[in-house]
Amino acid sequence: MNDKNHKNYRPNASIKKKNVVTTYNITIDGGVGNGRHVLVQVNGRMAGA
């Protein structure tokens, strides 16, 4: 179906989209304390712990 699109937007879009979705879900579910902790782990990078 979408062979060209799938190949082109798999490494960049996939990772970026997944990170944003996961971060949002955890932040809303965790709130502030929990959300902050999990957010760092999901991101994989200590960006504002």
PDB file of N, CA and C in Angstrom:
ATOM      1  N   MET A   1       0.850  -1.192   0.000  1.00  0.00           N
ATOM      2  CA  MET A   1       0.000   0.000   0.000  1.00  0.00           C
ATOM      3  C   MET A   1       0.895   1.255   0.000  1.00  0.00           C
ATOM      4  N   ASN A   2       1.490   1.554   1.134  1.00  0.00           N
ATOM      5  CA  ASN A   2       2.371   2.740   1.206  1.00  0.00           C
ATOM      6  C   ASN A   2       3.813   2.277   1.418  1.00  0.00           C
ATOM      7  N   ASP A   3       4.414   1.811   0.349  1.00  0.00           N
ATOM      8  CA  ASP A   3       5.786   1.308   0.476  1.00  0.00           C
ATOM      9  C   ASP A   3       6.778   2.461   0.559  1.00  0.00           C
ATOM     10  N   LYS A   4       6.633   3.417  -0.351  1.00  0.00           N
ATOM     11  CA  LYS A   4       7.583   4.547  -0.358  1.00  0.00           C
ATOM     12  C   LYS A   4       7.422   5.385   0.916  1.00  0.00           C
ATOM     13  N   ASN A   5       6.205   5.681   1.264  1.00  0.00           N
ATOM     14  CA  ASN A   5       5.979   6.509   2.455  1.00  0.00           C
ATOM     15  C   ASN A   5       6.472   5.789   3.713  1.00  0.00           C
ATOM     16  N   HIS A   6       6.170   4.543   3.800  1.00  0.00           N
ATOM     17  CA  HIS A   6       6.556   3.776   4.995  1.00  0.00           C
ATOM     18  C   HIS A   6       8.076   3.791   5.178  1.00  0.00           C
ATOM     19  N   LYS A   7       8.800   3.620   4.069  1.00  0.00           N
ATOM     20  CA  LYS A   7      10.262   3.563   4.175  1.00  0.00           C
ATOM     21  C   LYS A   7      10.828   4.938   4.552  1.00  0.00           C
ATOM     22  N   ASN A   8      10.244   5.974   4.018  1.00  0.00           N
ATOM     23  CA  ASN A   8      10.811   7.313   4.246  1.00  0.00           C
ATOM     24  C   ASN A   8      10.457   7.816   5.645  1.00  0.00           C
ATOM     25  N   TYR A   9       9.282   7.573   6.116  1.00  0.00           N
ATOM     26  CA  TYR A   9       8.921   8.118   7.436  1.00  0.00           C
ATOM     27  C   TYR A   9       8.809   7.003   8.462  1.00  0.00           C
ATOM     28  N   ARG A  10       9.936   6.321   8.629  1.00  0.00           N
ATOM     29  CA  ARG A  10       9.982   5.262   9.644  1.00  0.00           C
ATOM     30  C   ARG A  10      11.013   5.600  10.724  1.00  0.00           C
ATOM     31  N   PRO A  11      12.202   6.021  10.397  1.00  0.00           N
ATOM     32  CA  PRO A  11      13.219   6.301  11.421  1.00  0.00           C
ATOM     33  C   PRO A  11      12.996   7.639  12.125  1.00  0.00           C
ATOM     34  N   ASN A  12      12.676   8.658  11.367  1.00  0.00           N
ATOM     35  CA  ASN A  12      12.532   9.988  11.972  1.00  0.00           C
ATOM     36  C   ASN A  12      11.128  10.189  12.546  1.00  0.00           C
ATOM     37  N   ALA A  13      10.126  10.068  11.710  1.00  0.00           N
ATOM     38  CA  ALA A  13       8.749  10.326  12.153  1.00  0.00           C
ATOM     39  C   ALA A  13       8.355   9.330  13.246  1.00  0.00           C
ATOM     40  N   SER A  14       8.717   8.078  13.055  1.00  0.00           N
ATOM     41  CA  SER A  14       8.326   7.046  14.023  1.00  0.00           C
ATOM     42  C   SER A  14       8.861   7.398  15.414  1.00  0.00           C
ATOM     43  N   ILE A  15      10.132   7.648  15.491  1.00  0.00           N
ATOM     44  CA  ILE A  15      10.745   7.916  16.802  1.00  0.00           C
ATOM     45  C   ILE A  15      10.184   9.212  17.395  1.00  0.00           C
ATOM     46  N   LYS A  16      10.133  10.243  16.572  1.00  0.00           N
ATOM     47  CA  LYS A  16       9.664  11.533  17.101  1.00  0.00           C
ATOM     48  C   LYS A  16       8.197  11.415  17.540  1.00  0.00           C
ATOM     49  N   LYS A  17       7.378  10.815  16.727  1.00  0.00           N
ATOM     50  CA  LYS A  17       5.954  10.699  17.075  1.00  0.00           C
ATOM     51  C   LYS A  17       5.800   9.839  18.334  1.00  0.00           C
ATOM     52  N   LYS A  18       6.508   8.744  18.396  1.00  0.00           N
ATOM     53  CA  LYS A  18       6.375   7.845  19.547  1.00  0.00           C
ATOM     54  C   LYS A  18       6.777   8.577  20.828  1.00  0.00           C
ATOM     55  N   ASN A  19       7.861   9.309  20.771  1.00  0.00           N
ATOM     56  CA  ASN A  19       8.329  10.026  21.958  1.00  0.00           C
ATOM     57  C   ASN A  19       7.274  11.010  22.446  1.00  0.00           C
ATOM     58  N   VAL A  20       6.724  11.758  21.525  1.00  0.00           N
ATOM     59  CA  VAL A  20       5.741  12.785  21.912  1.00  0.00           C
ATOM     60  C   VAL A  20       4.510  12.120  22.522  1.00  0.00           C
ATOM     61  N   VAL A  21       4.025  11.081  21.879  1.00  0.00           N
ATOM     62  CA  VAL A  21       2.808  10.420  22.372  1.00  0.00           C
ATOM     63  C   VAL A  21       3.067   9.836  23.760  1.00  0.00           C
ATOM     64  N   THR A  22       4.163   9.138  23.913  1.00  0.00           N
ATOM     65  CA  THR A  22       4.457   8.515  25.202  1.00  0.00           C
ATOM     66  C   THR A  22       4.619   9.575  26.293  1.00  0.00           C
ATOM     67  N   THR A  23       5.336  10.609  25.968  1.00  0.00           N
ATOM     68  CA  THR A  23       5.567  11.662  26.966  1.00  0.00           C
ATOM     69  C   THR A  23       4.241  12.266  27.426  1.00  0.00           C
ATOM     70  N   TYR A  24       3.389  12.533  26.468  1.00  0.00           N
ATOM     71  CA  TYR A  24       2.094  13.144  26.807  1.00  0.00           C
ATOM     72  C   TYR A  24       1.291  12.218  27.720  1.00  0.00           C
ATOM     73  N   ASN A  25       1.240  10.940  27.339  1.00  0.00           N
ATOM     74  CA  ASN A  25       0.465   9.978  28.117  1.00  0.00           C
ATOM     75  C   ASN A  25       0.985   9.902  29.551  1.00  0.00           C
ATOM     76  N   ILE A  26       2.274   9.808  29.704  1.00  0.00           N
ATOM     77  CA  ILE A  26       2.857   9.668  31.041  1.00  0.00           C
ATOM     78  C   ILE A  26       2.668  10.950  31.850  1.00  0.00           C
ATOM     79  N   THR A  27       2.884  12.074  31.200  1.00  0.00           N
ATOM     80  CA  THR A  27       2.770  13.353  31.926  1.00  0.00           C
ATOM     81  C   THR A  27       1.352  13.517  32.469  1.00  0.00           C
ATOM     82  N   ILE A  28       0.371  13.207  31.643  1.00  0.00           N
ATOM     83  CA  ILE A  28      -1.026  13.379  32.067  1.00  0.00           C
ATOM     84  C   ILE A  28      -1.360  12.358  33.166  1.00  0.00           C
ATOM     85  N   ASP A  29      -0.890  11.132  32.986  1.00  0.00           N
ATOM     86  CA  ASP A  29      -1.199  10.072  33.940  1.00  0.00           C
ATOM     87  C   ASP A  29      -0.423  10.267  35.241  1.00  0.00           C
ATOM     88  N   GLY A  30       0.848  10.608  35.107  1.00  0.00           N
ATOM     89  CA  GLY A  30       1.696  10.747  36.297  1.00  0.00           C
ATOM     90  C   GLY A  30       1.471  12.069  36.991  1.00  0.00           C
ATOM     91  N   GLY A  31       1.159  13.105  36.239  1.00  0.00           N
ATOM     92  CA  GLY A  31       0.962  14.417  36.858  1.00  0.00           C
ATOM     93  C   GLY A  31       2.240  15.239  36.782  1.00  0.00           C
ATOM     94  N   VAL A  32       2.837  15.519  37.934  1.00  0.00           N
ATOM     95  CA  VAL A  32       4.063  16.337  37.920  1.00  0.00           C
ATOM     96  C   VAL A  32       5.243  15.514  38.426  1.00  0.00           C
ATOM     97  N   GLY A  33       5.117  14.930  39.592  1.00  0.00           N
ATOM     98  CA  GLY A  33       6.235  14.157  40.165  1.00  0.00           C
ATOM     99  C   GLY A  33       6.495  12.898  39.346  1.00  0.00           C
ATOM    100  N   ASN A  34       5.496  12.047  39.242  1.00  0.00           N
ATOM    101  CA  ASN A  34       5.672  10.798  38.500  1.00  0.00           C
ATOM    102  C   ASN A  34       5.940  11.072  37.023  1.00  0.00           C
ATOM    103  N   GLY A  35       5.179  11.981  36.473  1.00  0.00           N
ATOM    104  CA  GLY A  35       5.334  12.295  35.046  1.00  0.00           C
ATOM    105  C   GLY A  35       6.757  12.712  34.741  1.00  0.00           C
ATOM    106  N   ARG A  36       7.353  13.502  35.598  1.00  0.00           N
ATOM    107  CA  ARG A  36       8.727  13.983  35.348  1.00  0.00           C
ATOM    108  C   ARG A  36       9.701  12.797  35.360  1.00  0.00           C
ATOM    109  N   HIS A  37       9.553  11.946  36.311  1.00  0.00           N
ATOM    110  CA  HIS A  37      10.480  10.806  36.435  1.00  0.00           C
ATOM    111  C   HIS A  37      10.411   9.905  35.202  1.00  0.00           C
ATOM    112  N   VAL A  38       9.205   9.525  34.858  1.00  0.00           N
ATOM    113  CA  VAL A  38       9.028   8.603  33.734  1.00  0.00           C
ATOM    114  C   VAL A  38       9.406   9.276  32.420  1.00  0.00           C
ATOM    115  N   LEU A  39       9.131  10.556  32.330  1.00  0.00           N
ATOM    116  CA  LEU A  39       9.414  11.288  31.093  1.00  0.00           C
ATOM    117  C   LEU A  39      10.893  11.153  30.735  1.00  0.00           C
ATOM    118  N   VAL A  40      11.745  11.264  31.714  1.00  0.00           N
ATOM    119  CA  VAL A  40      13.187  11.183  31.459  1.00  0.00           C
ATOM    120  C   VAL A  40      13.529   9.786  30.927  1.00  0.00           C
ATOM    121  N   GLN A  41      12.944   8.771  31.515  1.00  0.00           N
ATOM    122  CA  GLN A  41      13.253   7.411  31.088  1.00  0.00           C
ATOM    123  C   GLN A  41      12.772   7.169  29.664  1.00  0.00           C
ATOM    124  N   VAL A  42      11.585   7.626  29.354  1.00  0.00           N
ATOM    125  CA  VAL A  42      11.014   7.391  28.020  1.00  0.00           C
ATOM    126  C   VAL A  42      11.849   8.099  26.966  1.00  0.00           C
ATOM    127  N   ASN A  43      12.258   9.289  27.262  1.00  0.00           N
ATOM    128  CA  ASN A  43      13.045  10.059  26.306  1.00  0.00           C
ATOM    129  C   ASN A  43      14.396   9.393  26.058  1.00  0.00           C
ATOM    130  N   GLY A  44      14.938   8.766  27.058  1.00  0.00           N
ATOM    131  CA  GLY A  44      16.231   8.116  26.893  1.00  0.00           C
ATOM    132  C   GLY A  44      17.378   9.114  27.075  1.00  0.00           C
ATOM    133  N   ARG A  45      17.046  10.380  27.292  1.00  0.00           N
ATOM    134  CA  ARG A  45      18.106  11.409  27.437  1.00  0.00           C
ATOM    135  C   ARG A  45      17.760  12.251  28.659  1.00  0.00           C
ATOM    136  N   MET A  46      18.702  12.582  29.500  1.00  0.00           N
ATOM    137  CA  MET A  46      18.416  13.407  30.683  1.00  0.00           C
ATOM    138  C   MET A  46      18.239  14.865  30.248  1.00  0.00           C
ATOM    139  N   ALA A  47      17.118  15.174  29.700  1.00  0.00           N
ATOM    140  CA  ALA A  47      16.872  16.552  29.236  1.00  0.00           C
ATOM    141  C   ALA A  47      15.910  17.241  30.192  1.00  0.00           C
ATOM    142  N   GLY A  48      16.422  17.810  31.231  1.00  0.00           N
ATOM    143  CA  GLY A  48      15.550  18.515  32.195  1.00  0.00           C
ATOM    144  C   GLY A  48      14.916  17.551  33.160  1.00  0.00           C
ATOM    145  N   ALA A  49      15.733  16.920  33.968  1.00  0.00           N
ATOM    146  CA  ALA A  49      15.197  15.932  34.914  1.00  0.00           C
ATOM    147  C   ALA A  49      14.644  16.648  36.134  1.00  0.00           C
TER     148      ALA A  49
END
